[in-house]
C-alpha atoms as a PDB file:
ATOM      1  CA  MET A   1      81.053  53.435-177.983  1.00  0.00           C
ATOM      2  CA  LYS A   2      82.286  50.040-176.818  1.00  0.00           C
ATOM      3  CA  GLU A   3      83.234  49.164-180.398  1.00  0.00           C
ATOM      4  CA  SER A   4      85.223  52.388-180.751  1.00  0.00           C
ATOM      5  CA  ARG A   5      87.055  51.716-177.491  1.00  0.00           C
ATOM      6  CA  GLY A   6      87.854  48.205-178.666  1.00  0.00           C
ATOM      7  CA  GLN A   7      89.238  49.617-181.904  1.00  0.00           C
ATOM      8  CA  TYR A   8      91.357  52.079-179.931  1.00  0.00           C
ATOM      9  CA  LEU A   9      92.790  49.296-177.773  1.00  0.00           C
ATOM     10  CA  LEU A  10      93.492  47.121-180.816  1.00  0.00           C
ATOM     11  CA  ALA A  11      95.255  50.006-182.522  1.00  0.00           C
ATOM     12  CA  TYR A  12      97.400  50.642-179.451  1.00  0.00           C
ATOM     13  CA  ILE A  13      98.287  46.944-179.145  1.00  0.00           C
ATOM     14  CA  LEU A  14      99.411  46.879-182.776  1.00  0.00           C
ATOM     15  CA  ALA A  15     101.372  50.092-182.235  1.00  0.00           C
ATOM     16  CA  ALA A  16     103.025  48.534-179.168  1.00  0.00           C
ATOM     17  CA  LEU A  17     104.130  45.535-181.240  1.00  0.00           C
ATOM     18  CA  VAL A  18     105.571  47.850-183.887  1.00  0.00           C
ATOM     19  CA  MET A  19     107.433  49.814-181.226  1.00  0.00           C
ATOM     20  CA  LEU A  20     108.808  46.597-179.766  1.00  0.00           C
ATOM     21  CA  TYR A  21     110.272  45.723-183.139  1.00  0.00           C
ATOM     22  CA  VAL A  22     111.588  49.274-183.633  1.00  0.00           C
ATOM     23  CA  SER A  23     113.315  49.214-180.248  1.00  0.00           C
ATOM     24  CA  TYR A  24     114.844  45.871-181.228  1.00  0.00           C
ATOM     25  CA  SER A  25     116.064  46.797-184.714  1.00  0.00           C
ATOM     26  CA  VAL A  26     116.835  50.535-184.885  1.00  0.00           C
ATOM     27  CA  PRO A  27     119.683  50.664-182.314  1.00  0.00           C
ATOM     28  CA  ARG A  28     121.498  48.014-184.371  1.00  0.00           C
ATOM     29  CA  TRP A  29     121.792  50.521-187.224  1.00  0.00           C
ATOM     30  CA  LEU A  30     124.208  52.700-185.214  1.00  0.00           C
ATOM     31  CA  PRO A  31     127.703  52.782-186.710  1.00  0.00           C
ATOM     32  CA  GLY A  32     130.510  51.321-184.629  1.00  0.00           C
ATOM     33  CA  ASP A  33     130.284  48.867-181.751  1.00  0.00           C
ATOM     34  CA  PHE A  34     130.994  48.597-178.046  1.00  0.00           C
ATOM     35  CA  VAL A  35     134.476  47.135-178.501  1.00  0.00           C
ATOM     36  CA  THR A  36     135.615  50.022-180.700  1.00  0.00           C
ATOM     37  CA  ALA A  37     134.107  52.629-178.348  1.00  0.00           C
ATOM     38  CA  MET A  38     135.583  50.942-175.277  1.00  0.00           C
ATOM     39  CA  TYR A  39     139.161  50.346-176.422  1.00  0.00           C
ATOM     40  CA  SER A  40     139.781  53.104-178.995  1.00  0.00           C
ATOM     41  CA  SER A  41     140.626  55.676-176.306  1.00  0.00           C
ATOM     42  CA  SER A  42     142.208  53.296-173.775  1.00  0.00           C
ATOM     43  CA  HIS A  43     145.800  52.207-173.286  1.00  0.00           C
ATOM     44  CA  VAL A  44     144.906  48.544-173.796  1.00  0.00           C
ATOM     45  CA  THR A  45     146.132  47.088-177.073  1.00  0.00           C
ATOM     46  CA  LEU A  46     144.246  44.145-178.524  1.00  0.00           C
ATOM     47  CA  ASN A  47     145.574  41.784-181.133  1.00  0.00           C
ATOM     48  CA  ALA A  48     143.413  40.851-184.096  1.00  0.00           C
ATOM     49  CA  GLU A  49     142.175  37.606-182.539  1.00  0.00           C
ATOM     50  CA  GLN A  50     141.221  39.209-179.217  1.00  0.00           C
ATOM     51  CA  GLU A  51     139.405  42.023-180.993  1.00  0.00           C
ATOM     52  CA  LYS A  52     137.530  39.552-183.176  1.00  0.00           C
ATOM     53  CA  ASP A  53     136.469  37.426-180.186  1.00  0.00           C
ATOM     54  CA  LEU A  54     135.323  40.467-178.172  1.00  0.00           C
ATOM     55  CA  ARG A  55     133.390  41.904-181.106  1.00  0.00           C
ATOM     56  CA  ALA A  56     131.708  38.541-181.714  1.00  0.00           C
ATOM     57  CA  TYR A  57     130.723  38.351-178.034  1.00  0.00           C
ATOM     58  CA  TYR A  58     129.314  41.878-177.740  1.00  0.00           C
ATOM     59  CA  THR A  59     127.607  41.984-181.128  1.00  0.00           C
ATOM     60  CA  GLN A  60     125.974  38.560-181.051  1.00  0.00           C
ATOM     61  CA  ARG A  61     122.489  38.937-182.485  1.00  0.00           C
ATOM     62  CA  GLN A  62     119.564  37.940-180.337  1.00  0.00           C
ATOM     63  CA  GLY A  63     116.436  36.802-182.156  1.00  0.00           C
ATOM     64  CA  PHE A  64     113.292  38.927-181.938  1.00  0.00           C
ATOM     65  CA  GLY A  65     111.364  36.071-180.364  1.00  0.00           C
ATOM     66  CA  ARG A  66     113.936  35.698-177.590  1.00  0.00           C
ATOM     67  CA  TYR A  67     113.907  39.471-177.157  1.00  0.00           C
ATOM     68  CA  LEU A  68     110.125  39.448-176.611  1.00  0.00           C
ATOM     69  CA  PHE A  69     110.334  36.512-174.204  1.00  0.00           C
ATOM     70  CA  ASP A  70     112.965  38.287-172.095  1.00  0.00           C
ATOM     71  CA  LEU A  71     110.868  41.460-171.982  1.00  0.00           C
ATOM     72  CA  PHE A  72     107.709  39.668-170.868  1.00  0.00           C
ATOM     73  CA  THR A  73     109.716  37.891-168.154  1.00  0.00           C
ATOM     74  CA  LEU A  74     111.018  41.313-167.006  1.00  0.00           C
ATOM     75  CA  ASN A  75     114.551  40.493-168.114  1.00  0.00           C
ATOM     76  CA  TRP A  76     115.626  43.727-169.832  1.00  0.00           C
ATOM     77  CA  GLY A  77     119.228  42.626-170.213  1.00  0.00           C
ATOM     78  CA  TYR A  78     122.598  43.707-168.857  1.00  0.00           C
ATOM     79  CA  SER A  79     124.537  46.860-169.652  1.00  0.00           C
ATOM     80  CA  TYR A  80     127.957  46.355-171.218  1.00  0.00           C
ATOM     81  CA  ALA A  81     129.315  49.739-170.132  1.00  0.00           C
ATOM     82  CA  PHE A  82     127.873  50.011-166.607  1.00  0.00           C
ATOM     83  CA  LEU A  83     128.002  46.284-165.747  1.00  0.00           C
ATOM     84  CA  ALA A  84     124.544  46.434-164.173  1.00  0.00           C
ATOM     85  CA  PRO A  85     120.986  45.274-165.004  1.00  0.00           C
ATOM     86  CA  ILE A  86     119.254  47.673-167.375  1.00  0.00           C
ATOM     87  CA  SER A  87     116.070  47.728-165.311  1.00  0.00           C
ATOM     88  CA  GLY A  88     118.093  48.879-162.306  1.00  0.00           C
ATOM     89  CA  LEU A  89     119.817  51.654-164.288  1.00  0.00           C
ATOM     90  CA  ILE A  90     116.485  52.924-165.626  1.00  0.00           C
ATOM     91  CA  SER A  91     114.844  52.815-162.190  1.00  0.00           C
ATOM     92  CA  GLU A  92     117.740  54.827-160.723  1.00  0.00           C
ATOM     93  CA  ALA A  93     117.669  57.521-163.408  1.00  0.00           C
ATOM     94  CA  LEU A  94     113.884  57.763-163.877  1.00  0.00           C
ATOM     95  CA  PRO A  95     113.042  59.544-160.569  1.00  0.00           C
ATOM     96  CA  TRP A  96     115.494  62.361-161.380  1.00  0.00           C
ATOM     97  CA  THR A  97     114.000  62.779-164.854  1.00  0.00           C
ATOM     98  CA  LEU A  98     110.449  62.740-163.477  1.00  0.00           C
ATOM     99  CA  LEU A  99     111.399  65.339-160.873  1.00  0.00           C
ATOM    100  CA  LEU A 100     113.029  67.653-163.411  1.00  0.00           C
ATOM    101  CA  LEU A 101     110.693  67.352-166.382  1.00  0.00           C
ATOM    102  CA  GLY A 102     107.519  66.746-164.391  1.00  0.00           C
ATOM    103  CA  THR A 103     108.063  69.934-162.389  1.00  0.00           C
ATOM    104  CA  ALA A 104     109.059  71.894-165.514  1.00  0.00           C
ATOM    105  CA  HIS A 105     105.999  70.761-167.461  1.00  0.00           C
ATOM    106  CA  LEU A 106     103.631  71.417-164.569  1.00  0.00           C
ATOM    107  CA  LEU A 107     104.942  74.920-163.824  1.00  0.00           C
ATOM    108  CA  SER A 108     105.146  75.977-167.463  1.00  0.00           C
ATOM    109  CA  MET A 109     101.655  74.645-168.170  1.00  0.00           C
ATOM    110  CA  ILE A 110     100.001  76.319-165.176  1.00  0.00           C
ATOM    111  CA  PHE A 111     101.619  79.721-165.618  1.00  0.00           C
ATOM    112  CA  GLY A 112     101.502  79.560-169.424  1.00  0.00           C
ATOM    113  CA  PHE A 113      97.797  78.706-169.347  1.00  0.00           C
ATOM    114  CA  LEU A 114      96.905  81.446-166.880  1.00  0.00           C
ATOM    115  CA  ALA A 115      98.993  84.034-168.728  1.00  0.00           C
ATOM    116  CA  GLY A 116      97.505  82.984-172.079  1.00  0.00           C
ATOM    117  CA  VAL A 117      93.942  83.232-170.775  1.00  0.00           C
ATOM    118  CA  GLU A 118      94.526  86.700-169.337  1.00  0.00           C
ATOM    119  CA  ALA A 119      96.279  87.895-172.509  1.00  0.00           C
ATOM    120  CA  ALA A 120      93.429  86.680-174.739  1.00  0.00           C
ATOM    121  CA  TRP A 121      90.859  88.318-172.456  1.00  0.00           C
ATOM    122  CA  ARG A 122      92.721  91.624-172.856  1.00  0.00           C
ATOM    123  CA  ARG A 123      93.468  91.149-176.561  1.00  0.00           C
ATOM    124  CA  GLY A 124      94.370  94.294-178.441  1.00  0.00           C
ATOM    125  CA  GLY A 125      96.016  95.940-175.440  1.00  0.00           C
ATOM    126  CA  VAL A 126      99.631  96.934-174.987  1.00  0.00           C
ATOM    127  CA  ILE A 127     100.342  94.150-172.483  1.00  0.00           C
ATOM    128  CA  GLU A 128      98.883  91.488-174.774  1.00  0.00           C
ATOM    129  CA  LYS A 129     100.876  92.691-177.780  1.00  0.00           C
ATOM    130  CA  ALA A 130     104.091  92.880-175.761  1.00  0.00           C
ATOM    131  CA  GLY A 131     103.471  89.405-174.347  1.00  0.00           C
ATOM    132  CA  VAL A 132     102.865  87.847-177.758  1.00  0.00           C
ATOM    133  CA  GLY A 133     105.960  89.524-179.211  1.00  0.00           C
ATOM    134  CA  SER A 134     108.290  88.561-176.371  1.00  0.00           C
ATOM    135  CA  MET A 135     106.971  84.996-176.213  1.00  0.00           C
ATOM    136  CA  THR A 136     107.421  84.591-179.964  1.00  0.00           C
ATOM    137  CA  VAL A 137     111.064  85.608-179.621  1.00  0.00           C
ATOM    138  CA  MET A 138     111.606  83.325-176.616  1.00  0.00           C
ATOM    139  CA  GLU A 139     110.015  80.399-178.454  1.00  0.00           C
ATOM    140  CA  GLY A 140     112.813  80.621-181.013  1.00  0.00           C
ATOM    141  CA  VAL A 141     115.618  80.425-178.441  1.00  0.00           C
ATOM    142  CA  PRO A 142     116.984  76.847-178.259  1.00  0.00           C
ATOM    143  CA  GLU A 143     117.303  75.080-174.926  1.00  0.00           C
ATOM    144  CA  ILE A 144     121.058  74.744-175.320  1.00  0.00           C
ATOM    145  CA  GLY A 145     121.434  78.531-175.606  1.00  0.00           C
ATOM    146  CA  THR A 146     119.395  79.207-172.478  1.00  0.00           C
ATOM    147  CA  ALA A 147     121.227  76.464-170.577  1.00  0.00           C
ATOM    148  CA  VAL A 148     124.679  77.809-171.445  1.00  0.00           C
ATOM    149  CA  ILE A 149     123.724  81.387-170.507  1.00  0.00           C
ATOM    150  CA  LEU A 150     122.252  80.376-167.141  1.00  0.00           C
ATOM    151  CA  LEU A 151     125.197  78.092-166.431  1.00  0.00           C
ATOM    152  CA  LEU A 152     127.769  80.783-167.166  1.00  0.00           C
ATOM    153  CA  LEU A 153     125.917  83.486-165.243  1.00  0.00           C
ATOM    154  CA  PHE A 154     124.559  81.837-162.094  1.00  0.00           C
ATOM    155  CA  ALA A 155     126.991  78.921-161.640  1.00  0.00           C
ATOM    156  CA  LEU A 156     130.362  79.969-163.027  1.00  0.00           C
ATOM    157  CA  HIS A 157     130.277  83.777-162.769  1.00  0.00           C
ATOM    158  CA  LEU A 158     128.147  84.471-159.673  1.00  0.00           C
ATOM    159  CA  GLY A 159     128.606  81.068-158.039  1.00  0.00           C
ATOM    160  CA  TRP A 160     125.117  81.099-156.572  1.00  0.00           C
ATOM    161  CA  LEU A 161     124.082  77.627-157.742  1.00  0.00           C
ATOM    162  CA  PRO A 162     125.830  74.290-158.457  1.00  0.00           C
ATOM    163  CA  ALA A 163     126.973  73.771-162.028  1.00  0.00           C
ATOM    164  CA  ALA A 164     126.369  70.027-162.288  1.00  0.00           C
ATOM    165  CA  GLY A 165     124.790  66.978-160.703  1.00  0.00           C
ATOM    166  CA  ALA A 166     121.575  66.405-158.777  1.00  0.00           C
ATOM    167  CA  GLU A 167     123.035  66.374-155.263  1.00  0.00           C
ATOM    168  CA  THR A 168     126.347  66.952-153.530  1.00  0.00           C
ATOM    169  CA  ALA A 169     128.369  63.739-153.637  1.00  0.00           C
ATOM    170  CA  TYR A 170     129.951  62.085-150.594  1.00  0.00           C
ATOM    171  CA  VAL A 171     128.244  64.442-148.137  1.00  0.00           C
ATOM    172  CA  LYS A 172     125.738  63.229-145.566  1.00  0.00           C
ATOM    173  CA  HIS A 173     122.842  65.604-144.913  1.00  0.00           C
ATOM    174  CA  SER A 174     119.794  65.572-142.711  1.00  0.00           C
ATOM    175  CA  ALA A 175     116.492  65.187-144.567  1.00  0.00           C
ATOM    176  CA  GLY A 176     115.868  68.937-144.666  1.00  0.00           C
ATOM    177  CA  ARG A 177     119.371  69.828-145.840  1.00  0.00           C
ATOM    178  CA  TRP A 178     119.272  67.064-148.455  1.00  0.00           C
ATOM    179  CA  ILE A 179     116.018  68.436-149.911  1.00  0.00           C
ATOM    180  CA  LEU A 180     117.526  71.940-149.997  1.00  0.00           C
ATOM    181  CA  ASP A 181     120.636  70.571-151.705  1.00  0.00           C
ATOM    182  CA  VAL A 182     118.516  68.775-154.339  1.00  0.00           C
ATOM    183  CA  VAL A 183     116.489  71.968-154.950  1.00  0.00           C
ATOM    184  CA  ARG A 184     119.676  74.007-155.458  1.00  0.00           C
ATOM    185  CA  HIS A 185     120.990  71.497-158.006  1.00  0.00           C
ATOM    186  CA  LEU A 186     117.557  71.405-159.664  1.00  0.00           C
ATOM    187  CA  ALA A 187     117.221  75.185-160.029  1.00  0.00           C
ATOM    188  CA  LEU A 188     119.260  75.781-163.196  1.00  0.00           C
ATOM    189  CA  PRO A 189     118.030  72.859-165.349  1.00  0.00           C
ATOM    190  CA  LEU A 190     114.481  73.517-164.156  1.00  0.00           C
ATOM    191  CA  ALA A 191     114.688  77.216-165.054  1.00  0.00           C
ATOM    192  CA  THR A 192     116.081  76.285-168.472  1.00  0.00           C
ATOM    193  CA  LEU A 193     113.178  73.958-169.262  1.00  0.00           C
ATOM    194  CA  VAL A 194     110.508  76.288-167.861  1.00  0.00           C
ATOM    195  CA  LEU A 195     111.833  79.117-170.041  1.00  0.00           C
ATOM    196  CA  ALA A 196     111.817  76.732-173.010  1.00  0.00           C
ATOM    197  CA  TYR A 197     108.264  75.408-172.482  1.00  0.00           C
ATOM    198  CA  PHE A 198     106.471  78.508-171.150  1.00  0.00           C
ATOM    199  CA  PRO A 199     106.313  80.521-174.438  1.00  0.00           C
ATOM    200  CA  GLY A 200     104.722  77.663-176.389  1.00  0.00           C
ATOM    201  CA  ASN A 201     102.106  77.100-173.680  1.00  0.00           C
ATOM    202  CA  PHE A 202     101.332  80.816-173.558  1.00  0.00           C
ATOM    203  CA  LEU A 203     100.957  81.212-177.328  1.00  0.00           C
ATOM    204  CA  LEU A 204      98.879  78.038-177.712  1.00  0.00           C
ATOM    205  CA  THR A 205      96.500  78.999-174.899  1.00  0.00           C
ATOM    206  CA  ARG A 206      96.184  82.572-176.112  1.00  0.00           C
ATOM    207  CA  GLY A 207      95.359  81.454-179.680  1.00  0.00           C
ATOM    208  CA  SER A 208      92.837  78.858-178.528  1.00  0.00           C
ATOM    209  CA  MET A 209      91.259  81.286-176.073  1.00  0.00           C
ATOM    210  CA  VAL A 210      90.817  83.972-178.740  1.00  0.00           C
ATOM    211  CA  MET A 211      88.855  81.509-180.881  1.00  0.00           C
ATOM    212  CA  VAL A 212      86.668  80.455-177.959  1.00  0.00           C
ATOM    213  CA  LEU A 213      85.844  84.043-177.001  1.00  0.00           C
ATOM    214  CA  LYS A 214      84.269  84.522-180.443  1.00  0.00           C
ATOM    215  CA  GLN A 215      81.715  81.767-179.849  1.00  0.00           C
ATOM    216  CA  GLN A 216      78.036  82.540-179.280  1.00  0.00           C
ATOM    217  CA  PHE A 217      77.844  80.901-175.854  1.00  0.00           C
ATOM    218  CA  ILE A 218      80.315  83.492-174.553  1.00  0.00           C
ATOM    219  CA  GLU A 219      78.034  86.285-175.770  1.00  0.00           C
ATOM    220  CA  THR A 220      75.123  84.506-174.118  1.00  0.00           C
ATOM    221  CA  ALA A 221      76.997  84.313-170.815  1.00  0.00           C
ATOM    222  CA  ARG A 222      77.781  88.018-171.020  1.00  0.00           C
ATOM    223  CA  ALA A 223      74.148  88.817-171.812  1.00  0.00           C
ATOM    224  CA  LYS A 224      73.077  86.938-168.685  1.00  0.00           C
ATOM    225  CA  GLY A 225      75.272  89.255-166.622  1.00  0.00           C
ATOM    226  CA  LEU A 226      77.640  86.564-165.326  1.00  0.00           C
ATOM    227  CA  PRO A 227      80.803  87.811-163.587  1.00  0.00           C
ATOM    228  CA  SER A 228      83.751  88.257-165.951  1.00  0.00           C
ATOM    229  CA  LEU A 229      85.917  85.904-163.888  1.00  0.00           C
ATOM    230  CA  ARG A 230      83.355  83.120-164.223  1.00  0.00           C
ATOM    231  CA  ILE A 231      82.995  83.704-167.963  1.00  0.00           C
ATOM    232  CA  ARG A 232      86.750  83.773-168.404  1.00  0.00           C
ATOM    233  CA  TYR A 233      87.570  80.536-166.598  1.00  0.00           C
ATOM    234  CA  ALA A 234      84.404  78.459-166.085  1.00  0.00           C
ATOM    235  CA  HIS A 235      83.179  78.911-169.665  1.00  0.00           C
ATOM    236  CA  ALA A 236      85.954  80.093-171.984  1.00  0.00           C
ATOM    237  CA  ALA A 237      89.124  78.682-170.426  1.00  0.00           C
ATOM    238  CA  ARG A 238      87.712  75.183-170.005  1.00  0.00           C
ATOM    239  CA  ASN A 239      86.865  75.012-173.704  1.00  0.00           C
ATOM    240  CA  ALA A 240      90.336  76.289-174.586  1.00  0.00           C
ATOM    241  CA  LEU A 241      91.995  73.616-172.457  1.00  0.00           C
ATOM    242  CA  LEU A 242      91.989  70.682-174.912  1.00  0.00           C
ATOM    243  CA  PRO A 243      94.965  71.860-177.022  1.00  0.00           C
ATOM    244  CA  MET A 244      96.929  72.433-173.811  1.00  0.00           C
ATOM    245  CA  VAL A 245      96.121  68.937-172.567  1.00  0.00           C
ATOM    246  CA  THR A 246      97.318  67.520-175.887  1.00  0.00           C
ATOM    247  CA  ARG A 247     100.563  69.475-175.695  1.00  0.00           C
ATOM    248  CA  PHE A 248     101.071  68.492-172.061  1.00  0.00           C
ATOM    249  CA  GLY A 249     100.429  64.838-172.836  1.00  0.00           C
ATOM    250  CA  LEU A 250     102.871  64.790-175.740  1.00  0.00           C
ATOM    251  CA  ARG A 251     105.509  66.572-173.665  1.00  0.00           C
ATOM    252  CA  ILE A 252     105.057  64.113-170.809  1.00  0.00           C
ATOM    253  CA  ALA A 253     105.256  61.215-173.261  1.00  0.00           C
ATOM    254  CA  PHE A 254     108.623  62.424-174.504  1.00  0.00           C
ATOM    255  CA  MET A 255     109.939  63.407-171.082  1.00  0.00           C
ATOM    256  CA  VAL A 256     112.092  60.276-170.912  1.00  0.00           C
ATOM    257  CA  THR A 257     114.511  61.544-173.540  1.00  0.00           C
ATOM    258  CA  GLY A 258     113.158  65.039-174.145  1.00  0.00           C
ATOM    259  CA  ALA A 259     115.696  66.795-171.905  1.00  0.00           C
ATOM    260  CA  LEU A 260     118.763  64.968-173.192  1.00  0.00           C
ATOM    261  CA  VAL A 261     120.574  68.197-174.096  1.00  0.00           C
ATOM    262  CA  VAL A 262     119.768  69.965-170.830  1.00  0.00           C
ATOM    263  CA  GLU A 263     120.578  66.935-168.687  1.00  0.00           C
ATOM    264  CA  THR A 264     123.881  66.470-170.493  1.00  0.00           C
ATOM    265  CA  ILE A 265     124.918  70.121-170.111  1.00  0.00           C
ATOM    266  CA  TYR A 266     124.204  70.104-166.383  1.00  0.00           C
ATOM    267  CA  ALA A 267     125.418  66.497-165.902  1.00  0.00           C
ATOM    268  CA  TYR A 268     122.017  65.748-164.387  1.00  0.00           C
ATOM    269  CA  PRO A 269     121.701  61.994-163.743  1.00  0.00           C
ATOM    270  CA  GLY A 270     118.443  61.412-165.602  1.00  0.00           C
ATOM    271  CA  LEU A 271     117.458  59.131-168.457  1.00  0.00           C
ATOM    272  CA  GLY A 272     118.604  61.677-171.039  1.00  0.00           C
ATOM    273  CA  THR A 273     122.159  61.565-169.708  1.00  0.00           C
ATOM    274  CA  LEU A 274     121.967  57.777-169.434  1.00  0.00           C
ATOM    275  CA  LEU A 275     120.897  57.498-173.073  1.00  0.00           C
ATOM    276  CA  PHE A 276     123.647  59.891-174.181  1.00  0.00           C
ATOM    277  CA  ASN A 277     126.296  57.803-172.411  1.00  0.00           C
ATOM    278  CA  ALA A 278     124.824  54.579-173.791  1.00  0.00           C
ATOM    279  CA  ILE A 279     124.992  55.902-177.361  1.00  0.00           C
ATOM    280  CA  ALA A 280     128.535  57.200-176.844  1.00  0.00           C
ATOM    281  CA  MET A 281     129.630  53.761-175.607  1.00  0.00           C
ATOM    282  CA  ARG A 282     127.506  51.888-178.186  1.00  0.00           C
ATOM    283  CA  ASP A 283     125.904  49.998-175.296  1.00  0.00           C
ATOM    284  CA  LEU A 284     123.275  48.261-177.439  1.00  0.00           C
ATOM    285  CA  PRO A 285     121.202  46.562-174.684  1.00  0.00           C
ATOM    286  CA  LEU A 286     120.928  49.796-172.695  1.00  0.00           C
ATOM    287  CA  ILE A 287     119.938  51.791-175.799  1.00  0.00           C
ATOM    288  CA  GLN A 288     117.265  49.209-176.559  1.00  0.00           C
ATOM    289  CA  GLY A 289     115.901  49.382-173.020  1.00  0.00           C
ATOM    290  CA  ILE A 290     115.641  53.180-172.919  1.00  0.00           C
ATOM    291  CA  VAL A 291     114.128  53.403-176.415  1.00  0.00           C
ATOM    292  CA  LEU A 292     111.546  50.763-175.521  1.00  0.00           C
ATOM    293  CA  PHE A 293     110.676  52.421-172.206  1.00  0.00           C
ATOM    294  CA  SER A 294     110.238  55.782-173.935  1.00  0.00           C
ATOM    295  CA  SER A 295     108.073  54.265-176.677  1.00  0.00           C
ATOM    296  CA  LEU A 296     105.779  52.499-174.228  1.00  0.00           C
ATOM    297  CA  MET A 297     105.376  55.725-172.256  1.00  0.00           C
ATOM    298  CA  VAL A 298     104.303  57.535-175.428  1.00  0.00           C
ATOM    299  CA  LEU A 299     101.607  54.895-176.024  1.00  0.00           C
ATOM    300  CA  PHE A 300     100.425  54.922-172.422  1.00  0.00           C
ATOM    301  CA  VAL A 301     100.088  58.711-172.284  1.00  0.00           C
ATOM    302  CA  ASN A 302      98.213  58.853-175.585  1.00  0.00           C
ATOM    303  CA  LEU A 303      95.826  56.165-174.379  1.00  0.00           C
ATOM    304  CA  ALA A 304      95.260  58.087-171.139  1.00  0.00           C
ATOM    305  CA  LEU A 305      94.516  61.254-173.127  1.00  0.00           C
ATOM    306  CA  GLU A 306      91.586  59.505-174.821  1.00  0.00           C
ATOM    307  CA  PHE A 307      89.843  59.317-171.457  1.00  0.00           C
ATOM    308  CA  VAL A 308      90.955  62.751-170.254  1.00  0.00           C
ATOM    309  CA  TYR A 309      89.444  64.406-173.340  1.00  0.00           C
ATOM    310  CA  GLY A 310      86.037  62.938-172.539  1.00  0.00           C
ATOM    311  CA  TRP A 311      86.236  64.197-168.969  1.00  0.00           C
ATOM    312  CA  ILE A 312      87.194  67.743-169.974  1.00  0.00           C
ATOM    313  CA  ASP A 313      84.788  68.053-172.910  1.00  0.00           C
ATOM    314  CA  PRO A 314      81.820  65.600-172.913  1.00  0.00           C
ATOM    315  CA  ARG A 315      81.258  66.384-176.605  1.00  0.00           C
ATOM    316  CA  VAL A 316      84.412  64.429-177.431  1.00  0.00           C
ATOM    317  CA  LYS A 317      83.130  61.400-175.530  1.00  0.00           C
ATOM    318  CA  TYR A 318      79.730  61.469-177.196  1.00  0.00           C
ATOM    319  CA  ALA A 319      81.231  62.014-180.637  1.00  0.00           C
ATOM    320  CA  SER A 320      83.317  58.854-180.268  1.00  0.00           C
END
């Protein structure tokens, strides 16, 4: 077991090195540069020499070794477009992304799991068939479609909720009013993501639960006369949980940039919006920082899942 864990750690270290190189090289393949993006739509006119000097300054290539040294010394660079340290920009945007996507993932997983378990337990019924059909249709609706509909209906037409942002700007609130203001701004993007994630969680849980209910240990539990609620959740649902944990872990790993479309539509100040603006401005250091942060989060979550699997299902731990 120790040897397998050592192999896992070695594999993740090698993957981290690969991701470091990817975060260093891939953003440089983007067409255009910061100078073109900055001055193409402005009223400033540059002569050929000024443009050449600026392009040479902003596109100077940093060696991979220097890039690694700066990362290990916590120097993530400086943003060309925002004129601020990249680590500071990420730390400002990350809490909003964690609030939005963390809440969306948690709610959609809990309610999707419970609904999937109940639907599988009542398989063959009218409610189960209607649930599977409606969830299949909802799974095919893109996030951008749901976001536009909710935005037009509840923000622009009815005016019940704010259309953009994470809080009301330039207004001082007490702690309670500030929390209420944040919740109101959070409502529409959160509803969009919950509606996008819930169908997949429901269908995955329902399919996994149906397979578990066919196992012999479920028949044994029924033969012993155990209560149906205990059979449903203590025996069947726990064994159907692993695919959900995998899905949740992968969703969490990609939460950094996974809501880029939704955050952009609602002008929500998370990492998705920050990455979108960085790409639009060809802000190479900021793109590198966000890509690297996202990649490292993917590795960390996958490594954590290795231990979570063993806690949920001891058979996984013993098999490794």
